[in-house]
Amino acid sequence: VVTVIDTSGGVVMLSLDGGCVGCSSTPMTAMQIYYSLKKLDPVEDVVFVNGELPEYMRTFIDQKMADEAENSDDEPKGEII
């Protein structure tokens, strides 16, 4: 269960509940959510109130997105959108 707590100011605050609580895959789920939401222009930050996204994962994704933006040639990459 993903609960959206707030979306003001471009900051999306989420809580992963239900089966995510205590699941060893929760950080990976949070990482995918963070990555997907950060691609949206209005989203400045994604905060998990339960702390499901470790800082090293956040740093890794932010660097990956910066690298992607730097190397972008605006050509389709074969992704399904």
PDB file of N, CA and C in Angstrom:
ATOM      1  N   VAL A   1       0.848  -1.164   0.000  1.00  0.00           N
ATOM      2  CA  VAL A   1       0.000   0.000   0.000  1.00  0.00           C
ATOM      3  C   VAL A   1       0.900   1.236   0.000  1.00  0.00           C
ATOM      4  N   VAL A   2       0.694   2.110  -0.974  1.00  0.00           N
ATOM      5  CA  VAL A   2       1.414   3.378  -1.021  1.00  0.00           C
ATOM      6  C   VAL A   2       0.428   4.472  -0.638  1.00  0.00           C
ATOM      7  N   THR A   3       0.738   5.180   0.422  1.00  0.00           N
ATOM      8  CA  THR A   3      -0.115   6.258   0.888  1.00  0.00           C
ATOM      9  C   THR A   3       0.552   7.587   0.568  1.00  0.00           C
ATOM     10  N   VAL A   4      -0.152   8.432  -0.191  1.00  0.00           N
ATOM     11  CA  VAL A   4       0.338   9.769  -0.486  1.00  0.00           C
ATOM     12  C   VAL A   4      -0.109  10.669   0.661  1.00  0.00           C
ATOM     13  N   ILE A   5       0.852  11.243   1.353  1.00  0.00           N
ATOM     14  CA  ILE A   5       0.556  12.059   2.517  1.00  0.00           C
ATOM     15  C   ILE A   5       0.427  13.529   2.142  1.00  0.00           C
ATOM     16  N   ASP A   6       1.309  13.994   1.251  1.00  0.00           N
ATOM     17  CA  ASP A   6       1.290  15.400   0.858  1.00  0.00           C
ATOM     18  C   ASP A   6       2.011  15.548  -0.471  1.00  0.00           C
ATOM     19  N   THR A   7       1.639  16.575  -1.240  1.00  0.00           N
ATOM     20  CA  THR A   7       2.294  16.846  -2.517  1.00  0.00           C
ATOM     21  C   THR A   7       2.587  18.336  -2.693  1.00  0.00           C
ATOM     22  N   SER A   8       2.551  19.090  -1.634  1.00  0.00           N
ATOM     23  CA  SER A   8       2.711  20.541  -1.766  1.00  0.00           C
ATOM     24  C   SER A   8       4.160  20.928  -2.038  1.00  0.00           C
ATOM     25  N   GLY A   9       4.317  22.011  -2.787  1.00  0.00           N
ATOM     26  CA  GLY A   9       5.634  22.563  -3.049  1.00  0.00           C
ATOM     27  C   GLY A   9       6.546  21.686  -3.878  1.00  0.00           C
ATOM     28  N   GLY A  10       5.974  20.762  -4.624  1.00  0.00           N
ATOM     29  CA  GLY A  10       6.796  19.879  -5.439  1.00  0.00           C
ATOM     30  C   GLY A  10       7.428  18.733  -4.669  1.00  0.00           C
ATOM     31  N   VAL A  11       7.107  18.614  -3.389  1.00  0.00           N
ATOM     32  CA  VAL A  11       7.639  17.527  -2.559  1.00  0.00           C
ATOM     33  C   VAL A  11       6.533  16.506  -2.335  1.00  0.00           C
ATOM     34  N   VAL A  12       6.775  15.297  -2.784  1.00  0.00           N
ATOM     35  CA  VAL A  12       5.806  14.214  -2.622  1.00  0.00           C
ATOM     36  C   VAL A  12       6.191  13.433  -1.369  1.00  0.00           C
ATOM     37  N   MET A  13       5.289  13.394  -0.412  1.00  0.00           N
ATOM     38  CA  MET A  13       5.532  12.638   0.820  1.00  0.00           C
ATOM     39  C   MET A  13       4.699  11.364   0.763  1.00  0.00           C
ATOM     40  N   LEU A  14       5.392  10.229   0.900  1.00  0.00           N
ATOM     41  CA  LEU A  14       4.750   8.920   0.788  1.00  0.00           C
ATOM     42  C   LEU A  14       5.050   8.058   2.002  1.00  0.00           C
ATOM     43  N   SER A  15       4.188   7.089   2.196  1.00  0.00           N
ATOM     44  CA  SER A  15       4.414   6.055   3.199  1.00  0.00           C
ATOM     45  C   SER A  15       4.119   4.713   2.536  1.00  0.00           C
ATOM     46  N   LEU A  16       5.031   3.770   2.681  1.00  0.00           N
ATOM     47  CA  LEU A  16       4.794   2.416   2.191  1.00  0.00           C
ATOM     48  C   LEU A  16       4.303   1.591   3.371  1.00  0.00           C
ATOM     49  N   ASP A  17       3.093   1.077   3.237  1.00  0.00           N
ATOM     50  CA  ASP A  17       2.452   0.364   4.331  1.00  0.00           C
ATOM     51  C   ASP A  17       2.042  -1.028   3.872  1.00  0.00           C
ATOM     52  N   GLY A  18       1.229  -1.697   4.646  1.00  0.00           N
ATOM     53  CA  GLY A  18       0.737  -3.022   4.297  1.00  0.00           C
ATOM     54  C   GLY A  18       1.863  -4.031   4.227  1.00  0.00           C
ATOM     55  N   GLY A  19       1.907  -4.790   3.135  1.00  0.00           N
ATOM     56  CA  GLY A  19       2.909  -5.835   2.964  1.00  0.00           C
ATOM     57  C   GLY A  19       4.326  -5.312   2.880  1.00  0.00           C
ATOM     58  N   CYS A  20       4.494  -4.013   2.609  1.00  0.00           N
ATOM     59  CA  CYS A  20       5.830  -3.422   2.520  1.00  0.00           C
ATOM     60  C   CYS A  20       6.514  -3.344   3.885  1.00  0.00           C
ATOM     61  N   VAL A  21       5.720  -3.285   4.935  1.00  0.00           N
ATOM     62  CA  VAL A  21       6.278  -3.167   6.276  1.00  0.00           C
ATOM     63  C   VAL A  21       7.060  -4.445   6.602  1.00  0.00           C
ATOM     64  N   GLY A  22       8.350  -4.282   6.785  1.00  0.00           N
ATOM     65  CA  GLY A  22       9.202  -5.411   7.140  1.00  0.00           C
ATOM     66  C   GLY A  22       9.687  -6.237   5.965  1.00  0.00           C
ATOM     67  N   CYS A  23       9.271  -5.930   4.760  1.00  0.00           N
ATOM     68  CA  CYS A  23       9.692  -6.696   3.586  1.00  0.00           C
ATOM     69  C   CYS A  23      11.109  -6.304   3.195  1.00  0.00           C
ATOM     70  N   SER A  24      11.931  -7.267   2.862  1.00  0.00           N
ATOM     71  CA  SER A  24      13.321  -6.975   2.499  1.00  0.00           C
ATOM     72  C   SER A  24      13.433  -6.272   1.150  1.00  0.00           C
ATOM     73  N   SER A  25      12.390  -6.312   0.337  1.00  0.00           N
ATOM     74  CA  SER A  25      12.416  -5.651  -0.971  1.00  0.00           C
ATOM     75  C   SER A  25      11.900  -4.212  -0.930  1.00  0.00           C
ATOM     76  N   THR A  26      11.458  -3.753   0.213  1.00  0.00           N
ATOM     77  CA  THR A  26      10.889  -2.414   0.323  1.00  0.00           C
ATOM     78  C   THR A  26      11.846  -1.315  -0.145  1.00  0.00           C
ATOM     79  N   PRO A  27      13.138  -1.355   0.201  1.00  0.00           N
ATOM     80  CA  PRO A  27      14.030  -0.309  -0.320  1.00  0.00           C
ATOM     81  C   PRO A  27      14.100  -0.280  -1.849  1.00  0.00           C
ATOM     82  N   MET A  28      14.036  -1.431  -2.492  1.00  0.00           N
ATOM     83  CA  MET A  28      14.054  -1.469  -3.955  1.00  0.00           C
ATOM     84  C   MET A  28      12.758  -0.898  -4.521  1.00  0.00           C
ATOM     85  N   THR A  29      11.643  -1.199  -3.878  1.00  0.00           N
ATOM     86  CA  THR A  29      10.358  -0.631  -4.295  1.00  0.00           C
ATOM     87  C   THR A  29      10.405   0.886  -4.159  1.00  0.00           C
ATOM     88  N   ALA A  30      10.914   1.365  -3.030  1.00  0.00           N
ATOM     89  CA  ALA A  30      11.030   2.805  -2.798  1.00  0.00           C
ATOM     90  C   ALA A  30      11.949   3.434  -3.834  1.00  0.00           C
ATOM     91  N   MET A  31      13.021   2.741  -4.202  1.00  0.00           N
ATOM     92  CA  MET A  31      13.955   3.269  -5.188  1.00  0.00           C
ATOM     93  C   MET A  31      13.277   3.440  -6.541  1.00  0.00           C
ATOM     94  N   GLN A  32      12.468   2.480  -6.950  1.00  0.00           N
ATOM     95  CA  GLN A  32      11.754   2.581  -8.227  1.00  0.00           C
ATOM     96  C   GLN A  32      10.722   3.707  -8.201  1.00  0.00           C
ATOM     97  N   ILE A  33      10.020   3.847  -7.087  1.00  0.00           N
ATOM     98  CA  ILE A  33       9.041   4.925  -6.951  1.00  0.00           C
ATOM     99  C   ILE A  33       9.757   6.272  -7.014  1.00  0.00           C
ATOM    100  N   TYR A  34      10.838   6.409  -6.265  1.00  0.00           N
ATOM    101  CA  TYR A  34      11.609   7.651  -6.233  1.00  0.00           C
ATOM    102  C   TYR A  34      12.088   8.011  -7.640  1.00  0.00           C
ATOM    103  N   TYR A  35      12.686   7.059  -8.333  1.00  0.00           N
ATOM    104  CA  TYR A  35      13.218   7.288  -9.678  1.00  0.00           C
ATOM    105  C   TYR A  35      12.109   7.714 -10.642  1.00  0.00           C
ATOM    106  N   SER A  36      10.985   7.025 -10.597  1.00  0.00           N
ATOM    107  CA  SER A  36       9.877   7.344 -11.506  1.00  0.00           C
ATOM    108  C   SER A  36       9.286   8.724 -11.228  1.00  0.00           C
ATOM    109  N   LEU A  37       9.091   9.052  -9.963  1.00  0.00           N
ATOM    110  CA  LEU A  37       8.506  10.343  -9.626  1.00  0.00           C
ATOM    111  C   LEU A  37       9.461  11.495  -9.901  1.00  0.00           C
ATOM    112  N   LYS A  38      10.758  11.301  -9.671  1.00  0.00           N
ATOM    113  CA  LYS A  38      11.731  12.362  -9.893  1.00  0.00           C
ATOM    114  C   LYS A  38      11.848  12.730 -11.372  1.00  0.00           C
ATOM    115  N   LYS A  39      11.398  11.866 -12.259  1.00  0.00           N
ATOM    116  CA  LYS A  39      11.416  12.161 -13.688  1.00  0.00           C
ATOM    117  C   LYS A  39      10.341  13.178 -14.075  1.00  0.00           C
ATOM    118  N   LEU A  40       9.358  13.376 -13.213  1.00  0.00           N
ATOM    119  CA  LEU A  40       8.279  14.315 -13.488  1.00  0.00           C
ATOM    120  C   LEU A  40       8.739  15.732 -13.155  1.00  0.00           C
ATOM    121  N   ASP A  41       8.570  16.647 -14.083  1.00  0.00           N
ATOM    122  CA  ASP A  41       9.055  18.023 -13.908  1.00  0.00           C
ATOM    123  C   ASP A  41       8.577  18.710 -12.624  1.00  0.00           C
ATOM    124  N   PRO A  42       7.300  18.580 -12.250  1.00  0.00           N
ATOM    125  CA  PRO A  42       6.857  19.302 -11.052  1.00  0.00           C
ATOM    126  C   PRO A  42       7.401  18.730  -9.738  1.00  0.00           C
ATOM    127  N   VAL A  43       7.994  17.546  -9.771  1.00  0.00           N
ATOM    128  CA  VAL A  43       8.452  16.900  -8.535  1.00  0.00           C
ATOM    129  C   VAL A  43       9.879  17.339  -8.217  1.00  0.00           C
ATOM    130  N   GLU A  44      10.025  18.022  -7.083  1.00  0.00           N
ATOM    131  CA  GLU A  44      11.341  18.467  -6.618  1.00  0.00           C
ATOM    132  C   GLU A  44      12.012  17.398  -5.756  1.00  0.00           C
ATOM    133  N   ASP A  45      11.224  16.714  -4.943  1.00  0.00           N
ATOM    134  CA  ASP A  45      11.782  15.700  -4.048  1.00  0.00           C
ATOM    135  C   ASP A  45      10.693  14.694  -3.694  1.00  0.00           C
ATOM    136  N   VAL A  46      11.137  13.512  -3.304  1.00  0.00           N
ATOM    137  CA  VAL A  46      10.236  12.449  -2.850  1.00  0.00           C
ATOM    138  C   VAL A  46      10.724  12.032  -1.467  1.00  0.00           C
ATOM    139  N   VAL A  47       9.841  12.135  -0.492  1.00  0.00           N
ATOM    140  CA  VAL A  47      10.192  11.817   0.889  1.00  0.00           C
ATOM    141  C   VAL A  47       9.356  10.640   1.356  1.00  0.00           C
ATOM    142  N   PHE A  48      10.021   9.631   1.847  1.00  0.00           N
ATOM    143  CA  PHE A  48       9.341   8.481   2.440  1.00  0.00           C
ATOM    144  C   PHE A  48       9.353   8.675   3.947  1.00  0.00           C
ATOM    145  N   VAL A  49       8.187   8.872   4.510  1.00  0.00           N
ATOM    146  CA  VAL A  49       8.109   9.200   5.934  1.00  0.00           C
ATOM    147  C   VAL A  49       8.538   8.044   6.828  1.00  0.00           C
ATOM    148  N   ASN A  50       8.522   6.840   6.296  1.00  0.00           N
ATOM    149  CA  ASN A  50       8.949   5.682   7.081  1.00  0.00           C
ATOM    150  C   ASN A  50      10.437   5.376   6.883  1.00  0.00           C
ATOM    151  N   GLY A  51      11.123   6.200   6.080  1.00  0.00           N
ATOM    152  CA  GLY A  51      12.561   6.008   5.868  1.00  0.00           C
ATOM    153  C   GLY A  51      12.899   4.814   4.993  1.00  0.00           C
ATOM    154  N   GLU A  52      12.018   4.461   4.050  1.00  0.00           N
ATOM    155  CA  GLU A  52      12.216   3.263   3.243  1.00  0.00           C
ATOM    156  C   GLU A  52      13.319   3.378   2.199  1.00  0.00           C
ATOM    157  N   LEU A  53      13.794   4.590   1.916  1.00  0.00           N
ATOM    158  CA  LEU A  53      14.827   4.761   0.895  1.00  0.00           C
ATOM    159  C   LEU A  53      16.126   5.195   1.566  1.00  0.00           C
ATOM    160  N   PRO A  54      17.080   4.267   1.672  1.00  0.00           N
ATOM    161  CA  PRO A  54      18.369   4.629   2.292  1.00  0.00           C
ATOM    162  C   PRO A  54      19.069   5.734   1.504  1.00  0.00           C
ATOM    163  N   GLU A  55      19.828   6.542   2.191  1.00  0.00           N
ATOM    164  CA  GLU A  55      20.500   7.695   1.580  1.00  0.00           C
ATOM    165  C   GLU A  55      21.410   7.292   0.422  1.00  0.00           C
ATOM    166  N   TYR A  56      22.097   6.141   0.536  1.00  0.00           N
ATOM    167  CA  TYR A  56      23.002   5.735  -0.544  1.00  0.00           C
ATOM    168  C   TYR A  56      22.222   5.428  -1.826  1.00  0.00           C
ATOM    169  N   MET A  57      20.983   4.931  -1.696  1.00  0.00           N
ATOM    170  CA  MET A  57      20.162   4.674  -2.878  1.00  0.00           C
ATOM    171  C   MET A  57      19.710   5.991  -3.502  1.00  0.00           C
ATOM    172  N   ARG A  58      19.329   6.944  -2.667  1.00  0.00           N
ATOM    173  CA  ARG A  58      18.919   8.267  -3.146  1.00  0.00           C
ATOM    174  C   ARG A  58      20.082   8.915  -3.903  1.00  0.00           C
ATOM    175  N   THR A  59      21.272   8.856  -3.343  1.00  0.00           N
ATOM    176  CA  THR A  59      22.461   9.432  -3.978  1.00  0.00           C
ATOM    177  C   THR A  59      22.750   8.751  -5.304  1.00  0.00           C
ATOM    178  N   PHE A  60      22.633   7.430  -5.338  1.00  0.00           N
ATOM    179  CA  PHE A  60      22.872   6.669  -6.562  1.00  0.00           C
ATOM    180  C   PHE A  60      21.901   7.096  -7.668  1.00  0.00           C
ATOM    181  N   ILE A  61      20.622   7.205  -7.335  1.00  0.00           N
ATOM    182  CA  ILE A  61      19.612   7.578  -8.328  1.00  0.00           C
ATOM    183  C   ILE A  61      19.821   9.013  -8.801  1.00  0.00           C
ATOM    184  N   ASP A  62      20.087   9.925  -7.877  1.00  0.00           N
ATOM    185  CA  ASP A  62      20.314  11.315  -8.257  1.00  0.00           C
ATOM    186  C   ASP A  62      21.493  11.430  -9.223  1.00  0.00           C
ATOM    187  N   GLN A  63      22.561  10.675  -8.965  1.00  0.00           N
ATOM    188  CA  GLN A  63      23.727  10.707  -9.855  1.00  0.00           C
ATOM    189  C   GLN A  63      23.384  10.096 -11.213  1.00  0.00           C
ATOM    190  N   LYS A  64      22.633   9.001 -11.196  1.00  0.00           N
ATOM    191  CA  LYS A  64      22.215   8.356 -12.446  1.00  0.00           C
ATOM    192  C   LYS A  64      21.377   9.318 -13.282  1.00  0.00           C
ATOM    193  N   MET A  65      20.459  10.026 -12.654  1.00  0.00           N
ATOM    194  CA  MET A  65      19.607  10.966 -13.377  1.00  0.00           C
ATOM    195  C   MET A  65      20.424  12.149 -13.909  1.00  0.00           C
ATOM    196  N   ALA A  66      21.407  12.605 -13.143  1.00  0.00           N
ATOM    197  CA  ALA A  66      22.274  13.690 -13.608  1.00  0.00           C
ATOM    198  C   ALA A  66      23.075  13.234 -14.818  1.00  0.00           C
ATOM    199  N   ASP A  67      23.592  12.001 -14.769  1.00  0.00           N
ATOM    200  CA  ASP A  67      24.337  11.445 -15.902  1.00  0.00           C
ATOM    201  C   ASP A  67      23.449  11.304 -17.128  1.00  0.00           C
ATOM    202  N   GLU A  68      22.221  10.842 -16.918  1.00  0.00           N
ATOM    203  CA  GLU A  68      21.282  10.690 -18.028  1.00  0.00           C
ATOM    204  C   GLU A  68      20.970  12.046 -18.667  1.00  0.00           C
ATOM    205  N   ALA A  69      20.780  13.063 -17.848  1.00  0.00           N
ATOM    206  CA  ALA A  69      20.474  14.401 -18.365  1.00  0.00           C
ATOM    207  C   ALA A  69      21.655  14.962 -19.147  1.00  0.00           C
ATOM    208  N   GLU A  70      22.857  14.704 -18.657  1.00  0.00           N
ATOM    209  CA  GLU A  70      24.066  15.194 -19.316  1.00  0.00           C
ATOM    210  C   GLU A  70      24.285  14.520 -20.667  1.00  0.00           C
ATOM    211  N   ASN A  71      23.957  13.235 -20.749  1.00  0.00           N
ATOM    212  CA  ASN A  71      24.195  12.466 -21.967  1.00  0.00           C
ATOM    213  C   ASN A  71      22.977  12.376 -22.870  1.00  0.00           C
ATOM    214  N   SER A  72      21.927  13.097 -22.528  1.00  0.00           N
ATOM    215  CA  SER A  72      20.686  13.033 -23.290  1.00  0.00           C
ATOM    216  C   SER A  72      20.842  13.722 -24.635  1.00  0.00           C
ATOM    217  N   ASP A  73      20.384  13.034 -25.672  1.00  0.00           N
ATOM    218  CA  ASP A  73      20.350  13.652 -26.988  1.00  0.00           C
ATOM    219  C   ASP A  73      18.915  13.776 -27.472  1.00  0.00           C
ATOM    220  N   ASP A  74      17.983  13.598 -26.544  1.00  0.00           N
ATOM    221  CA  ASP A  74      16.549  13.722 -26.788  1.00  0.00           C
ATOM    222  C   ASP A  74      16.021  12.784 -27.859  1.00  0.00           C
ATOM    223  N   GLU A  75      16.744  11.717 -28.159  1.00  0.00           N
ATOM    224  CA  GLU A  75      16.248  10.701 -29.069  1.00  0.00           C
ATOM    225  C   GLU A  75      15.595   9.600 -28.258  1.00  0.00           C
ATOM    226  N   PRO A  76      14.553   8.976 -28.798  1.00  0.00           N
ATOM    227  CA  PRO A  76      13.901   7.890 -28.068  1.00  0.00           C
ATOM    228  C   PRO A  76      14.886   6.764 -27.763  1.00  0.00           C
ATOM    229  N   LYS A  77      14.794   6.224 -26.562  1.00  0.00           N
ATOM    230  CA  LYS A  77      15.679   5.158 -26.132  1.00  0.00           C
ATOM    231  C   LYS A  77      15.018   3.782 -26.187  1.00  0.00           C
ATOM    232  N   GLY A  78      13.849   3.720 -26.813  1.00  0.00           N
ATOM    233  CA  GLY A  78      13.155   2.442 -26.894  1.00  0.00           C
ATOM    234  C   GLY A  78      12.304   2.147 -25.667  1.00  0.00           C
ATOM    235  N   GLU A  79      12.105   3.149 -24.813  1.00  0.00           N
ATOM    236  CA  GLU A  79      11.286   2.935 -23.636  1.00  0.00           C
ATOM    237  C   GLU A  79       9.802   3.010 -24.013  1.00  0.00           C
ATOM    238  N   ILE A  80       9.010   2.235 -23.322  1.00  0.00           N
ATOM    239  CA  ILE A  80       7.552   2.321 -23.484  1.00  0.00           C
ATOM    240  C   ILE A  80       7.072   3.389 -22.534  1.00  0.00           C
ATOM    241  N   ILE A  81       6.400   4.375 -23.065  1.00  0.00           N
ATOM    242  CA  ILE A  81       5.924   5.489 -22.231  1.00  0.00           C
ATOM    243  C   ILE A  81       4.422   5.502 -22.229  1.00  0.00           C
TER     244      ILE A  81
END
